[in-house]
């Protein structure tokens, strides 16, 4: 823009001195505006670089927090698993055999099945009911024959 005002000043300098001076004043203003804009751009870039550094630092802190949370979750899960195994053993240590562990597990599942009739195997229950009825009938017959 400064070059445009300089060319205008040259064009009117011989015919209108006042206009030429005004063109030169505007040229100087354009130069000052361009310099101010250049300084603003430099400040903007400095702020941009600082924001990028801050964002990178925040990302690193967030990554560290996620890693630490994952580590603590794993430690907590490990502790819960050990507590569950310790509770199965009953003596504060690891169970003596794997069979003991599964036996306790089956017992707890059996208790759960009794608490929730919908979870009982109806096919097996049908056989169990017939076998139980047959045994009771045999006892009744023995009692009646005395």
C-alpha atoms as a PDB file:
ATOM      1  CA  UNK A   1       0.000   0.000   0.000  1.00  0.00           C
ATOM      2  CA  UNK A   2       2.930   2.313   0.761  1.00  0.00           C
ATOM      3  CA  UNK A   3       4.200   1.919  -2.800  1.00  0.00           C
ATOM      4  CA  UNK A   4       0.754   2.868  -4.145  1.00  0.00           C
ATOM      5  CA  UNK A   5       0.743   6.094  -2.089  1.00  0.00           C
ATOM      6  CA  UNK A   6       4.292   6.904  -3.205  1.00  0.00           C
ATOM      7  CA  UNK A   7       3.285   6.466  -6.874  1.00  0.00           C
ATOM      8  CA  UNK A   8       0.257   8.723  -6.335  1.00  0.00           C
ATOM      9  CA  UNK A   9       2.447  11.368  -4.695  1.00  0.00           C
ATOM     10  CA  UNK A  10       4.780  11.294  -7.695  1.00  0.00           C
ATOM     11  CA  UNK A  11       1.840  11.560 -10.086  1.00  0.00           C
ATOM     12  CA  UNK A  12       0.387  14.702  -8.469  1.00  0.00           C
ATOM     13  CA  UNK A  13       3.559  16.376  -7.098  1.00  0.00           C
ATOM     14  CA  UNK A  14       3.946  18.794 -10.011  1.00  0.00           C
ATOM     15  CA  UNK A  15       0.268  19.735 -10.228  1.00  0.00           C
ATOM     16  CA  UNK A  16      -0.989  19.649  -6.596  1.00  0.00           C
ATOM     17  CA  UNK A  17       1.635  19.940  -3.862  1.00  0.00           C
ATOM     18  CA  UNK A  18      -0.959  19.579  -1.045  1.00  0.00           C
ATOM     19  CA  UNK A  19      -2.259  16.284  -2.458  1.00  0.00           C
ATOM     20  CA  UNK A  20       1.314  15.032  -2.876  1.00  0.00           C
ATOM     21  CA  UNK A  21       2.023  15.792   0.809  1.00  0.00           C
ATOM     22  CA  UNK A  22      -1.220  13.988   1.846  1.00  0.00           C
ATOM     23  CA  UNK A  23      -0.176  10.995  -0.278  1.00  0.00           C
ATOM     24  CA  UNK A  24       3.210  10.985   1.499  1.00  0.00           C
ATOM     25  CA  UNK A  25       1.484  11.208   4.922  1.00  0.00           C
ATOM     26  CA  UNK A  26      -0.683   8.193   3.980  1.00  0.00           C
ATOM     27  CA  UNK A  27       2.414   6.378   2.646  1.00  0.00           C
ATOM     28  CA  UNK A  28       4.089   6.853   6.029  1.00  0.00           C
ATOM     29  CA  UNK A  29       0.901   5.615   7.766  1.00  0.00           C
ATOM     30  CA  UNK A  30       0.842   2.555   5.521  1.00  0.00           C
ATOM     31  CA  UNK A  31       4.485   1.851   6.356  1.00  0.00           C
ATOM     32  CA  UNK A  32       3.744   2.189  10.097  1.00  0.00           C
ATOM     33  CA  UNK A  33       0.663  -0.052   9.757  1.00  0.00           C
ATOM     34  CA  UNK A  34       2.739  -2.687   7.931  1.00  0.00           C
ATOM     35  CA  UNK A  35       5.414  -2.572  10.637  1.00  0.00           C
ATOM     36  CA  UNK A  36       2.743  -2.883  13.380  1.00  0.00           C
ATOM     37  CA  UNK A  37       1.200  -5.787  11.520  1.00  0.00           C
ATOM     38  CA  UNK A  38       4.639  -7.452  11.233  1.00  0.00           C
ATOM     39  CA  UNK A  39       5.169  -7.116  15.003  1.00  0.00           C
ATOM     40  CA  UNK A  40       1.668  -8.478  15.640  1.00  0.00           C
ATOM     41  CA  UNK A  41       2.409 -11.467  13.419  1.00  0.00           C
ATOM     42  CA  UNK A  42       5.635 -12.127  15.347  1.00  0.00           C
ATOM     43  CA  UNK A  43       3.757 -11.962  18.675  1.00  0.00           C
ATOM     44  CA  UNK A  44       1.060 -14.245  17.249  1.00  0.00           C
ATOM     45  CA  UNK A  45       3.685 -16.795  16.189  1.00  0.00           C
ATOM     46  CA  UNK A  46       5.347 -16.626  19.614  1.00  0.00           C
ATOM     47  CA  UNK A  47       1.976 -17.267  21.294  1.00  0.00           C
ATOM     48  CA  UNK A  48       1.261 -20.071  18.814  1.00  0.00           C
ATOM     49  CA  UNK A  49       4.580 -21.759  19.680  1.00  0.00           C
ATOM     50  CA  UNK A  50       3.842 -21.409  23.416  1.00  0.00           C
ATOM     51  CA  UNK A  51       0.359 -22.885  22.957  1.00  0.00           C
ATOM     52  CA  UNK A  52       1.826 -25.828  21.032  1.00  0.00           C
ATOM     53  CA  UNK A  53       4.347 -26.424  23.850  1.00  0.00           C
ATOM     54  CA  UNK A  54       1.599 -26.203  26.480  1.00  0.00           C
ATOM     55  CA  UNK A  55      -0.639 -28.578  24.505  1.00  0.00           C
ATOM     56  CA  UNK A  56       2.220 -31.080  24.135  1.00  0.00           C
ATOM     57  CA  UNK A  57       2.912 -30.861  27.868  1.00  0.00           C
ATOM     58  CA  UNK A  58      -0.804 -31.401  28.606  1.00  0.00           C
ATOM     59  CA  UNK A  59      -0.896 -34.413  26.256  1.00  0.00           C
ATOM     60  CA  UNK A  60       2.158 -35.874  28.005  1.00  0.00           C
ATOM     61  CA  UNK A  61       0.563 -35.352  31.426  1.00  0.00           C
ATOM     62  CA  UNK A  62      -2.674 -36.935  30.220  1.00  0.00           C
ATOM     63  CA  UNK A  63      -0.780 -39.910  28.773  1.00  0.00           C
ATOM     64  CA  UNK A  64       1.059 -40.316  32.085  1.00  0.00           C
ATOM     65  CA  UNK A  65      -2.224 -40.122  34.013  1.00  0.00           C
ATOM     66  CA  UNK A  66      -3.778 -42.780  31.748  1.00  0.00           C
ATOM     67  CA  UNK A  67      -0.721 -45.025  32.118  1.00  0.00           C
ATOM     68  CA  UNK A  68      -0.747 -44.609  35.889  1.00  0.00           C
ATOM     69  CA  UNK A  69      -4.512 -45.271  36.078  1.00  0.00           C
ATOM     70  CA  UNK A  70      -4.022 -48.434  34.019  1.00  0.00           C
ATOM     71  CA  UNK A  71      -1.192 -49.533  36.276  1.00  0.00           C
ATOM     72  CA  UNK A  72      -3.269 -48.929  39.409  1.00  0.00           C
ATOM     73  CA  UNK A  73      -6.247 -50.755  37.893  1.00  0.00           C
ATOM     74  CA  UNK A  74      -4.034 -53.750  37.159  1.00  0.00           C
ATOM     75  CA  UNK A  75      -2.652 -53.674  40.696  1.00  0.00           C
ATOM     76  CA  UNK A  76      -6.168 -53.454  42.110  1.00  0.00           C
ATOM     77  CA  UNK A  77      -7.363 -56.354  39.955  1.00  0.00           C
ATOM     78  CA  UNK A  78      -4.373 -58.405  41.045  1.00  0.00           C
ATOM     79  CA  UNK A  79      -5.105 -57.626  44.685  1.00  0.00           C
ATOM     80  CA  UNK A  80      -8.787 -58.526  44.233  1.00  0.00           C
ATOM     81  CA  UNK A  81      -7.828 -61.816  42.590  1.00  0.00           C
ATOM     82  CA  UNK A  82      -5.453 -62.646  45.428  1.00  0.00           C
ATOM     83  CA  UNK A  83      -8.124 -61.733  47.978  1.00  0.00           C
ATOM     84  CA  UNK A  84     -10.617 -63.981  46.196  1.00  0.00           C
ATOM     85  CA  UNK A  85      -8.170 -66.878  46.132  1.00  0.00           C
ATOM     86  CA  UNK A  86      -7.193 -66.262  49.757  1.00  0.00           C
ATOM     87  CA  UNK A  87     -10.860 -66.269  50.742  1.00  0.00           C
ATOM     88  CA  UNK A  88     -11.323 -69.640  48.991  1.00  0.00           C
ATOM     89  CA  UNK A  89      -8.343 -71.164  50.793  1.00  0.00           C
ATOM     90  CA  UNK A  90      -9.664 -70.086  54.183  1.00  0.00           C
ATOM     91  CA  UNK A  91      -6.246 -70.158  55.826  1.00  0.00           C
ATOM     92  CA  UNK A  92      -4.886 -66.900  54.448  1.00  0.00           C
ATOM     93  CA  UNK A  93      -2.705 -68.648  51.894  1.00  0.00           C
ATOM     94  CA  UNK A  94      -3.076 -70.075  48.440  1.00  0.00           C
ATOM     95  CA  UNK A  95      -5.322 -73.129  48.118  1.00  0.00           C
ATOM     96  CA  UNK A  96      -3.637 -76.500  48.553  1.00  0.00           C
ATOM     97  CA  UNK A  97      -4.808 -77.846  45.213  1.00  0.00           C
ATOM     98  CA  UNK A  98      -6.541 -76.653  42.137  1.00  0.00           C
ATOM     99  CA  UNK A  99      -9.206 -79.271  42.842  1.00  0.00           C
ATOM    100  CA  UNK A 100     -10.055 -77.528  46.141  1.00  0.00           C
ATOM    101  CA  UNK A 101     -10.451 -74.271  44.295  1.00  0.00           C
ATOM    102  CA  UNK A 102     -12.824 -75.751  41.717  1.00  0.00           C
ATOM    103  CA  UNK A 103     -14.709 -77.690  44.371  1.00  0.00           C
ATOM    104  CA  UNK A 104     -15.409 -74.492  46.311  1.00  0.00           C
ATOM    105  CA  UNK A 105     -16.388 -72.760  43.104  1.00  0.00           C
ATOM    106  CA  UNK A 106     -18.841 -75.535  42.207  1.00  0.00           C
ATOM    107  CA  UNK A 107     -20.313 -75.364  45.725  1.00  0.00           C
ATOM    108  CA  UNK A 108     -20.859 -71.614  45.426  1.00  0.00           C
ATOM    109  CA  UNK A 109     -22.468 -72.074  42.001  1.00  0.00           C
ATOM    110  CA  UNK A 110     -24.675 -74.836  43.412  1.00  0.00           C
ATOM    111  CA  UNK A 111     -25.835 -72.508  46.192  1.00  0.00           C
ATOM    112  CA  UNK A 112     -26.540 -69.871  43.579  1.00  0.00           C
ATOM    113  CA  UNK A 113     -28.616 -72.355  41.560  1.00  0.00           C
ATOM    114  CA  UNK A 114     -30.692 -73.167  44.656  1.00  0.00           C
ATOM    115  CA  UNK A 115     -31.299 -69.478  45.258  1.00  0.00           C
ATOM    116  CA  UNK A 116     -32.420 -68.995  41.662  1.00  0.00           C
ATOM    117  CA  UNK A 117     -34.665 -71.798  40.418  1.00  0.00           C
ATOM    118  CA  UNK A 118     -34.499 -70.542  36.832  1.00  0.00           C
ATOM    119  CA  UNK A 119     -30.816 -71.480  36.719  1.00  0.00           C
ATOM    120  CA  UNK A 120     -31.424 -75.184  37.570  1.00  0.00           C
ATOM    121  CA  UNK A 121     -30.923 -77.723  34.797  1.00  0.00           C
ATOM    122  CA  UNK A 122     -34.529 -78.872  34.204  1.00  0.00           C
ATOM    123  CA  UNK A 123     -33.445 -81.987  32.296  1.00  0.00           C
ATOM    124  CA  UNK A 124     -31.343 -83.190  35.241  1.00  0.00           C
ATOM    125  CA  UNK A 125     -34.071 -82.125  37.688  1.00  0.00           C
ATOM    126  CA  UNK A 126     -36.607 -84.347  35.887  1.00  0.00           C
ATOM    127  CA  UNK A 127     -34.422 -87.426  36.397  1.00  0.00           C
ATOM    128  CA  UNK A 128     -33.712 -86.418  39.988  1.00  0.00           C
ATOM    129  CA  UNK A 129     -37.406 -86.016  40.719  1.00  0.00           C
ATOM    130  CA  UNK A 130     -38.268 -89.475  39.269  1.00  0.00           C
ATOM    131  CA  UNK A 131     -35.401 -91.112  41.164  1.00  0.00           C
ATOM    132  CA  UNK A 132     -36.468 -89.404  44.386  1.00  0.00           C
ATOM    133  CA  UNK A 133     -40.101 -90.474  43.868  1.00  0.00           C
ATOM    134  CA  UNK A 134     -39.028 -94.080  43.242  1.00  0.00           C
ATOM    135  CA  UNK A 135     -36.942 -94.106  46.405  1.00  0.00           C
ATOM    136  CA  UNK A 136     -39.792 -92.680  48.452  1.00  0.00           C
ATOM    137  CA  UNK A 137     -42.219 -95.253  46.969  1.00  0.00           C
ATOM    138  CA  UNK A 138     -39.848 -98.057  47.950  1.00  0.00           C
ATOM    139  CA  UNK A 139     -39.712 -96.764  51.530  1.00  0.00           C
ATOM    140  CA  UNK A 140     -43.523 -96.495  51.643  1.00  0.00           C
ATOM    141  CA  UNK A 141     -43.900-100.049  50.342  1.00  0.00           C
ATOM    142  CA  UNK A 142     -41.454-101.326  52.968  1.00  0.00           C
ATOM    143  CA  UNK A 143     -43.366 -99.500  55.704  1.00  0.00           C
ATOM    144  CA  UNK A 144     -46.745-100.892  54.532  1.00  0.00           C
ATOM    145  CA  UNK A 145     -45.482-104.453  54.335  1.00  0.00           C
ATOM    146  CA  UNK A 146     -44.611-104.646  58.024  1.00  0.00           C
END
